[in-house]
All heavy atoms as atom14 arrays in JSON, in Angstrom:
{
  "sequence": "NSALKKANAKIIRELSYAPSINSDVITAQDPEGNTIQFYKE",
  "atom14_mask": [
    [1, 1, 1, 1, 1, 1, 1, 1, 0, 0, 0, 0, 0, 0],
    [1, 1, 1, 1, 1, 1, 0, 0, 0, 0, 0, 0, 0, 0],
    [1, 1, 1, 1, 1, 0, 0, 0, 0, 0, 0, 0, 0, 0],
    [1, 1, 1, 1, 1, 1, 1, 1, 0, 0, 0, 0, 0, 0],
    [1, 1, 1, 1, 1, 1, 1, 1, 1, 0, 0, 0, 0, 0],
    [1, 1, 1, 1, 1, 1, 1, 1, 1, 0, 0, 0, 0, 0],
    [1, 1, 1, 1, 1, 0, 0, 0, 0, 0, 0, 0, 0, 0],
    [1, 1, 1, 1, 1, 1, 1, 1, 0, 0, 0, 0, 0, 0],
    [1, 1, 1, 1, 1, 0, 0, 0, 0, 0, 0, 0, 0, 0],
    [1, 1, 1, 1, 1, 1, 1, 1, 1, 0, 0, 0, 0, 0],
    [1, 1, 1, 1, 1, 1, 1, 1, 0, 0, 0, 0, 0, 0],
    [1, 1, 1, 1, 1, 1, 1, 1, 0, 0, 0, 0, 0, 0],
    [1, 1, 1, 1, 1, 1, 1, 1, 1, 1, 1, 0, 0, 0],
    [1, 1, 1, 1, 1, 1, 1, 1, 1, 0, 0, 0, 0, 0],
    [1, 1, 1, 1, 1, 1, 1, 1, 0, 0, 0, 0, 0, 0],
    [1, 1, 1, 1, 1, 1, 0, 0, 0, 0, 0, 0, 0, 0],
    [1, 1, 1, 1, 1, 1, 1, 1, 1, 1, 1, 1, 0, 0],
    [1, 1, 1, 1, 1, 0, 0, 0, 0, 0, 0, 0, 0, 0],
    [1, 1, 1, 1, 1, 1, 1, 0, 0, 0, 0, 0, 0, 0],
    [1, 1, 1, 1, 1, 1, 0, 0, 0, 0, 0, 0, 0, 0],
    [1, 1, 1, 1, 1, 1, 1, 1, 0, 0, 0, 0, 0, 0],
    [1, 1, 1, 1, 1, 1, 1, 1, 0, 0, 0, 0, 0, 0],
    [1, 1, 1, 1, 1, 1, 0, 0, 0, 0, 0, 0, 0, 0],
    [1, 1, 1, 1, 1, 1, 1, 1, 0, 0, 0, 0, 0, 0],
    [1, 1, 1, 1, 1, 1, 1, 0, 0, 0, 0, 0, 0, 0],
    [1, 1, 1, 1, 1, 1, 1, 1, 0, 0, 0, 0, 0, 0],
    [1, 1, 1, 1, 1, 1, 1, 0, 0, 0, 0, 0, 0, 0],
    [1, 1, 1, 1, 1, 0, 0, 0, 0, 0, 0, 0, 0, 0],
    [1, 1, 1, 1, 1, 1, 1, 1, 1, 0, 0, 0, 0, 0],
    [1, 1, 1, 1, 1, 1, 1, 1, 0, 0, 0, 0, 0, 0],
    [1, 1, 1, 1, 1, 1, 1, 0, 0, 0, 0, 0, 0, 0],
    [1, 1, 1, 1, 1, 1, 1, 1, 1, 0, 0, 0, 0, 0],
    [1, 1, 1, 1, 0, 0, 0, 0, 0, 0, 0, 0, 0, 0],
    [1, 1, 1, 1, 1, 1, 1, 1, 0, 0, 0, 0, 0, 0],
    [1, 1, 1, 1, 1, 1, 1, 0, 0, 0, 0, 0, 0, 0],
    [1, 1, 1, 1, 1, 1, 1, 1, 0, 0, 0, 0, 0, 0],
    [1, 1, 1, 1, 1, 1, 1, 1, 1, 0, 0, 0, 0, 0],
    [1, 1, 1, 1, 1, 1, 1, 1, 1, 1, 1, 0, 0, 0],
    [1, 1, 1, 1, 1, 1, 1, 1, 1, 1, 1, 1, 0, 0],
    [1, 1, 1, 1, 1, 1, 1, 1, 1, 0, 0, 0, 0, 0],
    [1, 1, 1, 1, 1, 1, 1, 1, 1, 0, 0, 0, 0, 0]
  ],
  "atom14_positions": [
    [[165.11, 46.47, -95.7], [164.78, 45.06, -95.43], [165.92, 44.41, -94.65], [165.69, 43.76, -93.62], [164.5, 44.31, -96.72], [164.0, 42.9, -96.51], [163.32, 42.6, -95.54], [164.34, 42.03, -97.43], [0.0, 0.0, 0.0], [0.0, 0.0, 0.0], [0.0, 0.0, 0.0], [0.0, 0.0, 0.0], [0.0, 0.0, 0.0], [0.0, 0.0, 0.0]],
    [[167.15, 44.61, -95.07], [168.31, 44.04, -94.38], [168.45, 44.59, -92.97], [168.73, 43.88, -92.01], [169.58, 44.3, -95.17], [169.56, 43.61, -96.4], [0.0, 0.0, 0.0], [0.0, 0.0, 0.0], [0.0, 0.0, 0.0], [0.0, 0.0, 0.0], [0.0, 0.0, 0.0], [0.0, 0.0, 0.0], [0.0, 0.0, 0.0], [0.0, 0.0, 0.0]],
    [[168.25, 45.9, -92.85], [168.4, 46.55, -91.53], [167.36, 46.05, -90.56], [167.66, 45.8, -89.39], [168.28, 48.08, -91.69], [0.0, 0.0, 0.0], [0.0, 0.0, 0.0], [0.0, 0.0, 0.0], [0.0, 0.0, 0.0], [0.0, 0.0, 0.0], [0.0, 0.0, 0.0], [0.0, 0.0, 0.0], [0.0, 0.0, 0.0], [0.0, 0.0, 0.0]],
    [[166.1, 45.89, -91.04], [165.05, 45.36, -90.16], [165.37, 43.94, -89.69], [165.19, 43.62, -88.52], [163.71, 45.38, -90.9], [163.09, 46.76, -91.14], [161.94, 46.69, -92.11], [162.63, 47.36, -89.81], [0.0, 0.0, 0.0], [0.0, 0.0, 0.0], [0.0, 0.0, 0.0], [0.0, 0.0, 0.0], [0.0, 0.0, 0.0], [0.0, 0.0, 0.0]],
    [[165.84, 43.12, -90.61], [166.15, 41.73, -90.23], [167.34, 41.68, -89.29], [167.33, 40.91, -88.32], [166.34, 40.89, -91.49], [165.02, 40.73, -92.23], [165.05, 39.77, -93.36], [163.63, 39.78, -93.94], [163.26, 38.6, -94.54], [0.0, 0.0, 0.0], [0.0, 0.0, 0.0], [0.0, 0.0, 0.0], [0.0, 0.0, 0.0], [0.0, 0.0, 0.0]],
    [[168.32, 42.5, -89.53], [169.51, 42.56, -88.64], [169.1, 43.01, -87.24], [169.65, 42.55, -86.25], [170.55, 43.49, -89.23], [171.83, 43.58, -88.43], [172.83, 44.49, -89.08], [174.09, 44.61, -88.24], [175.01, 45.59, -88.79], [0.0, 0.0, 0.0], [0.0, 0.0, 0.0], [0.0, 0.0, 0.0], [0.0, 0.0, 0.0], [0.0, 0.0, 0.0]],
    [[168.11, 43.89, -87.18], [167.64, 44.41, -85.87], [166.6, 43.51, -85.22], [166.06, 43.84, -84.17], [167.04, 45.82, -86.06], [0.0, 0.0, 0.0], [0.0, 0.0, 0.0], [0.0, 0.0, 0.0], [0.0, 0.0, 0.0], [0.0, 0.0, 0.0], [0.0, 0.0, 0.0], [0.0, 0.0, 0.0], [0.0, 0.0, 0.0], [0.0, 0.0, 0.0]],
    [[166.35, 42.35, -85.85], [165.35, 41.4, -85.35], [163.96, 42.02, -85.18], [163.24, 41.71, -84.22], [165.84, 40.76, -84.02], [167.03, 39.92, -84.21], [167.12, 39.13, -85.14], [168.03, 40.11, -83.32], [0.0, 0.0, 0.0], [0.0, 0.0, 0.0], [0.0, 0.0, 0.0], [0.0, 0.0, 0.0], [0.0, 0.0, 0.0], [0.0, 0.0, 0.0]],
    [[163.61, 42.89, -86.12], [162.27, 43.46, -86.1], [161.23, 42.39, -86.45], [161.55, 41.48, -87.24], [162.16, 44.58, -87.12], [0.0, 0.0, 0.0], [0.0, 0.0, 0.0], [0.0, 0.0, 0.0], [0.0, 0.0, 0.0], [0.0, 0.0, 0.0], [0.0, 0.0, 0.0], [0.0, 0.0, 0.0], [0.0, 0.0, 0.0], [0.0, 0.0, 0.0]],
    [[160.1, 42.47, -85.85], [158.99, 41.57, -86.21], [158.49, 42.01, -87.59], [157.98, 43.12, -87.77], [157.89, 41.62, -85.17], [156.71, 40.73, -85.53], [155.61, 40.8, -84.49], [154.45, 39.94, -84.93], [153.31, 40.06, -83.99], [0.0, 0.0, 0.0], [0.0, 0.0, 0.0], [0.0, 0.0, 0.0], [0.0, 0.0, 0.0], [0.0, 0.0, 0.0]],
    [[158.61, 41.12, -88.58], [158.14, 41.43, -89.95], [156.68, 41.02, -90.05], [156.34, 39.86, -89.85], [159.0, 40.7, -91.0], [160.48, 41.03, -90.83], [158.5, 41.03, -92.4], [160.87, 42.47, -90.97], [0.0, 0.0, 0.0], [0.0, 0.0, 0.0], [0.0, 0.0, 0.0], [0.0, 0.0, 0.0], [0.0, 0.0, 0.0], [0.0, 0.0, 0.0]],
    [[155.84, 41.96, -90.39], [154.41, 41.73, -90.54], [154.09, 41.38, -91.99], [153.3, 40.5, -92.27], [153.59, 42.94, -90.12], [153.82, 43.19, -88.65], [152.11, 42.77, -90.43], [153.22, 44.51, -88.18], [0.0, 0.0, 0.0], [0.0, 0.0, 0.0], [0.0, 0.0, 0.0], [0.0, 0.0, 0.0], [0.0, 0.0, 0.0], [0.0, 0.0, 0.0]],
    [[154.72, 42.12, -92.92], [154.58, 41.85, -94.35], [155.98, 41.82, -94.96], [156.68, 42.8, -94.95], [153.72, 42.95, -95.02], [153.62, 42.74, -96.51], [152.83, 43.87, -97.16], [152.73, 43.6, -98.61], [151.81, 44.12, -99.37], [150.87, 44.9, -98.87], [151.8, 43.88, -100.65], [0.0, 0.0, 0.0], [0.0, 0.0, 0.0], [0.0, 0.0, 0.0]],
    [[156.31, 40.63, -95.44], [157.61, 40.5, -96.12], [157.65, 41.42, -97.32], [156.6, 41.8, -97.9], [157.83, 39.05, -96.56], [158.04, 38.09, -95.4], [159.4, 38.2, -94.75], [160.35, 38.81, -95.29], [159.53, 37.68, -93.62], [0.0, 0.0, 0.0], [0.0, 0.0, 0.0], [0.0, 0.0, 0.0], [0.0, 0.0, 0.0], [0.0, 0.0, 0.0]],
    [[158.84, 41.77, -97.75], [159.03, 42.58, -98.92], [158.24, 41.99, -100.09], [158.42, 40.84, -100.45], [160.52, 42.64, -99.24], [160.93, 43.53, -100.43], [160.5, 44.94, -100.25], [162.44, 43.46, -100.6], [0.0, 0.0, 0.0], [0.0, 0.0, 0.0], [0.0, 0.0, 0.0], [0.0, 0.0, 0.0], [0.0, 0.0, 0.0], [0.0, 0.0, 0.0]],
    [[157.29, 42.77, -100.61], [156.42, 42.3, -101.69], [155.84, 43.47, -102.44], [155.92, 44.63, -102.01], [155.29, 41.44, -101.1], [154.51, 42.19, -100.18], [0.0, 0.0, 0.0], [0.0, 0.0, 0.0], [0.0, 0.0, 0.0], [0.0, 0.0, 0.0], [0.0, 0.0, 0.0], [0.0, 0.0, 0.0], [0.0, 0.0, 0.0], [0.0, 0.0, 0.0]],
    [[155.21, 43.16, -103.54], [154.61, 44.19, -104.39], [153.18, 44.46, -103.94], [152.42, 43.56, -103.68], [154.62, 43.7, -105.87], [153.98, 44.67, -106.81], [154.52, 45.94, -107.03], [152.81, 44.31, -107.5], [153.92, 46.82, -107.89], [152.21, 45.21, -108.39], [152.79, 46.46, -108.59], [152.19, 47.36, -109.46], [0.0, 0.0, 0.0], [0.0, 0.0, 0.0]],
    [[152.86, 45.77, -103.91], [151.49, 46.21, -103.57], [150.9, 46.9, -104.81], [151.19, 48.07, -105.05], [151.5, 47.16, -102.37], [0.0, 0.0, 0.0], [0.0, 0.0, 0.0], [0.0, 0.0, 0.0], [0.0, 0.0, 0.0], [0.0, 0.0, 0.0], [0.0, 0.0, 0.0], [0.0, 0.0, 0.0], [0.0, 0.0, 0.0], [0.0, 0.0, 0.0]],
    [[150.12, 46.19, -105.6], [149.61, 46.77, -106.83], [148.73, 48.01, -106.63], [148.71, 48.9, -107.51], [148.82, 45.6, -107.5], [148.55, 44.65, -106.42], [149.62, 44.81, -105.39], [0.0, 0.0, 0.0], [0.0, 0.0, 0.0], [0.0, 0.0, 0.0], [0.0, 0.0, 0.0], [0.0, 0.0, 0.0], [0.0, 0.0, 0.0], [0.0, 0.0, 0.0]],
    [[148.04, 48.11, -105.51], [147.17, 49.25, -105.31], [147.94, 50.57, -105.27], [147.34, 51.63, -105.55], [146.38, 49.07, -104.0], [147.21, 49.0, -102.92], [0.0, 0.0, 0.0], [0.0, 0.0, 0.0], [0.0, 0.0, 0.0], [0.0, 0.0, 0.0], [0.0, 0.0, 0.0], [0.0, 0.0, 0.0], [0.0, 0.0, 0.0], [0.0, 0.0, 0.0]],
    [[149.2, 50.52, -104.91], [150.0, 51.75, -104.87], [151.25, 51.64, -105.79], [152.11, 52.5, -105.74], [150.45, 52.11, -103.43], [151.26, 50.97, -102.77], [149.26, 52.49, -102.57], [151.88, 51.34, -101.45], [0.0, 0.0, 0.0], [0.0, 0.0, 0.0], [0.0, 0.0, 0.0], [0.0, 0.0, 0.0], [0.0, 0.0, 0.0], [0.0, 0.0, 0.0]],
    [[151.27, 50.6, -106.6], [152.36, 50.36, -107.55], [153.74, 50.52, -106.87], [154.61, 51.24, -107.32], [152.26, 51.29, -108.77], [153.22, 50.85, -109.9], [153.48, 49.66, -110.09], [153.76, 51.81, -110.61], [0.0, 0.0, 0.0], [0.0, 0.0, 0.0], [0.0, 0.0, 0.0], [0.0, 0.0, 0.0], [0.0, 0.0, 0.0], [0.0, 0.0, 0.0]],
    [[153.88, 49.86, -105.74], [155.1, 49.99, -104.95], [155.49, 48.64, -104.35], [154.62, 47.79, -104.12], [154.87, 51.0, -103.81], [154.57, 52.27, -104.3], [0.0, 0.0, 0.0], [0.0, 0.0, 0.0], [0.0, 0.0, 0.0], [0.0, 0.0, 0.0], [0.0, 0.0, 0.0], [0.0, 0.0, 0.0], [0.0, 0.0, 0.0], [0.0, 0.0, 0.0]],
    [[156.75, 48.52, -104.08], [157.23, 47.41, -103.25], [157.18, 47.88, -101.79], [157.5, 49.07, -101.51], [158.65, 47.04, -103.66], [158.67, 46.45, -105.06], [157.98, 45.43, -105.27], [159.32, 47.03, -105.94], [0.0, 0.0, 0.0], [0.0, 0.0, 0.0], [0.0, 0.0, 0.0], [0.0, 0.0, 0.0], [0.0, 0.0, 0.0], [0.0, 0.0, 0.0]],
    [[156.8, 46.98, -100.9], [156.49, 47.37, -99.53], [157.05, 46.33, -98.56], [157.1, 45.15, -98.89], [154.94, 47.43, -99.32], [154.58, 47.69, -97.88], [154.34, 48.46, -100.23], [0.0, 0.0, 0.0], [0.0, 0.0, 0.0], [0.0, 0.0, 0.0], [0.0, 0.0, 0.0], [0.0, 0.0, 0.0], [0.0, 0.0, 0.0], [0.0, 0.0, 0.0]],
    [[157.49, 46.81, -97.38], [157.77, 45.89, -96.27], [157.18, 46.57, -95.02], [157.29, 47.79, -94.85], [159.28, 45.63, -96.09], [159.5, 44.58, -94.98], [160.08, 46.89, -95.88], [160.91, 44.04, -94.89], [0.0, 0.0, 0.0], [0.0, 0.0, 0.0], [0.0, 0.0, 0.0], [0.0, 0.0, 0.0], [0.0, 0.0, 0.0], [0.0, 0.0, 0.0]],
    [[156.56, 45.75, -94.19], [155.94, 46.24, -92.94], [156.5, 45.48, -91.77], [156.64, 44.25, -91.83], [154.38, 46.08, -93.03], [153.91, 46.64, -94.25], [153.72, 46.78, -91.85], [0.0, 0.0, 0.0], [0.0, 0.0, 0.0], [0.0, 0.0, 0.0], [0.0, 0.0, 0.0], [0.0, 0.0, 0.0], [0.0, 0.0, 0.0], [0.0, 0.0, 0.0]],
    [[156.83, 46.19, -90.71], [157.42, 45.57, -89.52], [156.93, 46.27, -88.27], [156.16, 47.25, -88.34], [158.95, 45.67, -89.62], [0.0, 0.0, 0.0], [0.0, 0.0, 0.0], [0.0, 0.0, 0.0], [0.0, 0.0, 0.0], [0.0, 0.0, 0.0], [0.0, 0.0, 0.0], [0.0, 0.0, 0.0], [0.0, 0.0, 0.0], [0.0, 0.0, 0.0]],
    [[157.41, 45.78, -87.12], [157.12, 46.44, -85.86], [158.43, 46.73, -85.15], [159.35, 45.92, -85.21], [156.22, 45.59, -84.98], [154.79, 45.53, -85.44], [153.89, 44.74, -84.54], [154.36, 43.92, -83.76], [152.59, 44.96, -84.66], [0.0, 0.0, 0.0], [0.0, 0.0, 0.0], [0.0, 0.0, 0.0], [0.0, 0.0, 0.0], [0.0, 0.0, 0.0]],
    [[158.47, 47.86, -84.47], [159.63, 48.17, -83.65], [159.53, 47.41, -82.35], [158.57, 46.67, -82.13], [159.78, 49.71, -83.45], [158.69, 50.32, -82.59], [158.07, 49.62, -81.76], [158.5, 51.53, -82.68], [0.0, 0.0, 0.0], [0.0, 0.0, 0.0], [0.0, 0.0, 0.0], [0.0, 0.0, 0.0], [0.0, 0.0, 0.0], [0.0, 0.0, 0.0]],
    [[160.52, 47.51, -81.45], [160.53, 46.71, -80.21], [159.32, 46.95, -79.27], [159.05, 46.09, -78.43], [161.83, 47.13, -79.52], [162.71, 47.59, -80.62], [161.8, 48.24, -81.61], [0.0, 0.0, 0.0], [0.0, 0.0, 0.0], [0.0, 0.0, 0.0], [0.0, 0.0, 0.0], [0.0, 0.0, 0.0], [0.0, 0.0, 0.0], [0.0, 0.0, 0.0]],
    [[158.63, 48.07, -79.44], [157.45, 48.33, -78.58], [156.14, 48.03, -79.32], [155.08, 48.37, -78.81], [157.49, 49.75, -78.05], [158.62, 49.94, -77.04], [158.53, 51.23, -76.26], [157.57, 51.98, -76.4], [159.47, 51.49, -75.49], [0.0, 0.0, 0.0], [0.0, 0.0, 0.0], [0.0, 0.0, 0.0], [0.0, 0.0, 0.0], [0.0, 0.0, 0.0]],
    [[156.24, 47.45, -80.5], [155.03, 47.06, -81.22], [154.39, 48.12, -82.08], [153.29, 47.96, -82.56], [0.0, 0.0, 0.0], [0.0, 0.0, 0.0], [0.0, 0.0, 0.0], [0.0, 0.0, 0.0], [0.0, 0.0, 0.0], [0.0, 0.0, 0.0], [0.0, 0.0, 0.0], [0.0, 0.0, 0.0], [0.0, 0.0, 0.0], [0.0, 0.0, 0.0]],
    [[155.11, 49.24, -82.31], [154.62, 50.27, -83.23], [154.86, 49.77, -84.66], [155.96, 49.28, -84.97], [155.32, 51.6, -82.99], [155.13, 52.08, -81.58], [154.01, 52.31, -81.15], [156.21, 52.22, -80.85], [0.0, 0.0, 0.0], [0.0, 0.0, 0.0], [0.0, 0.0, 0.0], [0.0, 0.0, 0.0], [0.0, 0.0, 0.0], [0.0, 0.0, 0.0]],
    [[153.91, 49.91, -85.53], [154.03, 49.47, -86.89], [154.7, 50.5, -87.77], [154.34, 51.68, -87.74], [152.64, 49.1, -87.46], [152.06, 48.09, -86.63], [152.75, 48.54, -88.86], [0.0, 0.0, 0.0], [0.0, 0.0, 0.0], [0.0, 0.0, 0.0], [0.0, 0.0, 0.0], [0.0, 0.0, 0.0], [0.0, 0.0, 0.0], [0.0, 0.0, 0.0]],
    [[155.7, 50.05, -88.53], [156.42, 50.9, -89.47], [156.38, 50.23, -90.83], [156.53, 49.03, -90.94], [157.86, 51.17, -89.0], [158.57, 49.87, -88.56], [157.9, 52.17, -87.88], [159.99, 50.05, -88.09], [0.0, 0.0, 0.0], [0.0, 0.0, 0.0], [0.0, 0.0, 0.0], [0.0, 0.0, 0.0], [0.0, 0.0, 0.0], [0.0, 0.0, 0.0]],
    [[156.16, 51.04, -91.85], [156.08, 50.5, -93.21], [156.97, 51.34, -94.12], [157.05, 52.57, -93.96], [154.65, 50.55, -93.7], [154.44, 49.96, -95.07], [152.98, 49.71, -95.36], [152.48, 48.69, -94.92], [152.34, 50.57, -96.1], [0.0, 0.0, 0.0], [0.0, 0.0, 0.0], [0.0, 0.0, 0.0], [0.0, 0.0, 0.0], [0.0, 0.0, 0.0]],
    [[157.6, 50.67, -95.04], [158.5, 51.32, -95.97], [158.09, 50.92, -97.4], [157.72, 49.77, -97.62], [159.95, 50.87, -95.73], [160.36, 51.15, -94.34], [160.15, 50.2, -93.32], [161.0, 52.33, -94.0], [160.54, 50.45, -92.01], [161.4, 52.57, -92.69], [161.15, 51.64, -91.69], [0.0, 0.0, 0.0], [0.0, 0.0, 0.0], [0.0, 0.0, 0.0]],
    [[158.09, 51.88, -98.3], [157.74, 51.55, -99.66], [158.62, 52.28, -100.65], [159.16, 53.33, -100.35], [156.25, 51.82, -99.94], [155.91, 53.3, -100.05], [155.8, 53.9, -101.29], [155.66, 54.08, -98.93], [155.51, 55.24, -101.44], [155.35, 55.4, -99.03], [155.28, 55.98, -100.29], [154.95, 57.32, -100.41], [0.0, 0.0, 0.0], [0.0, 0.0, 0.0]],
    [[158.72, 51.65, -101.82], [159.43, 52.29, -102.96], [158.55, 52.12, -104.19], [158.13, 51.0, -104.52], [160.79, 51.65, -103.18], [161.5, 52.3, -104.37], [162.87, 51.74, -104.62], [163.47, 52.5, -105.75], [164.62, 51.9, -106.29], [0.0, 0.0, 0.0], [0.0, 0.0, 0.0], [0.0, 0.0, 0.0], [0.0, 0.0, 0.0], [0.0, 0.0, 0.0]],
    [[158.2, 53.28, -104.78], [157.33, 53.22, -105.96], [158.06, 52.6, -107.12], [159.28, 52.82, -107.28], [156.92, 54.63, -106.34], [155.99, 55.28, -105.33], [155.66, 56.73, -105.66], [156.54, 57.42, -106.22], [154.55, 57.14, -105.37], [0.0, 0.0, 0.0], [0.0, 0.0, 0.0], [0.0, 0.0, 0.0], [0.0, 0.0, 0.0], [0.0, 0.0, 0.0]]
  ]
}
């Protein structure tokens, strides 16, 4: 989360809980608009 914000990534979904996968998730886009998502169960 800190690295994405420091890199000025476009955040699509702020760090939040996703009950469907019982994980915390953050979703962003890289500089060319490719979507990247990170999760921790």
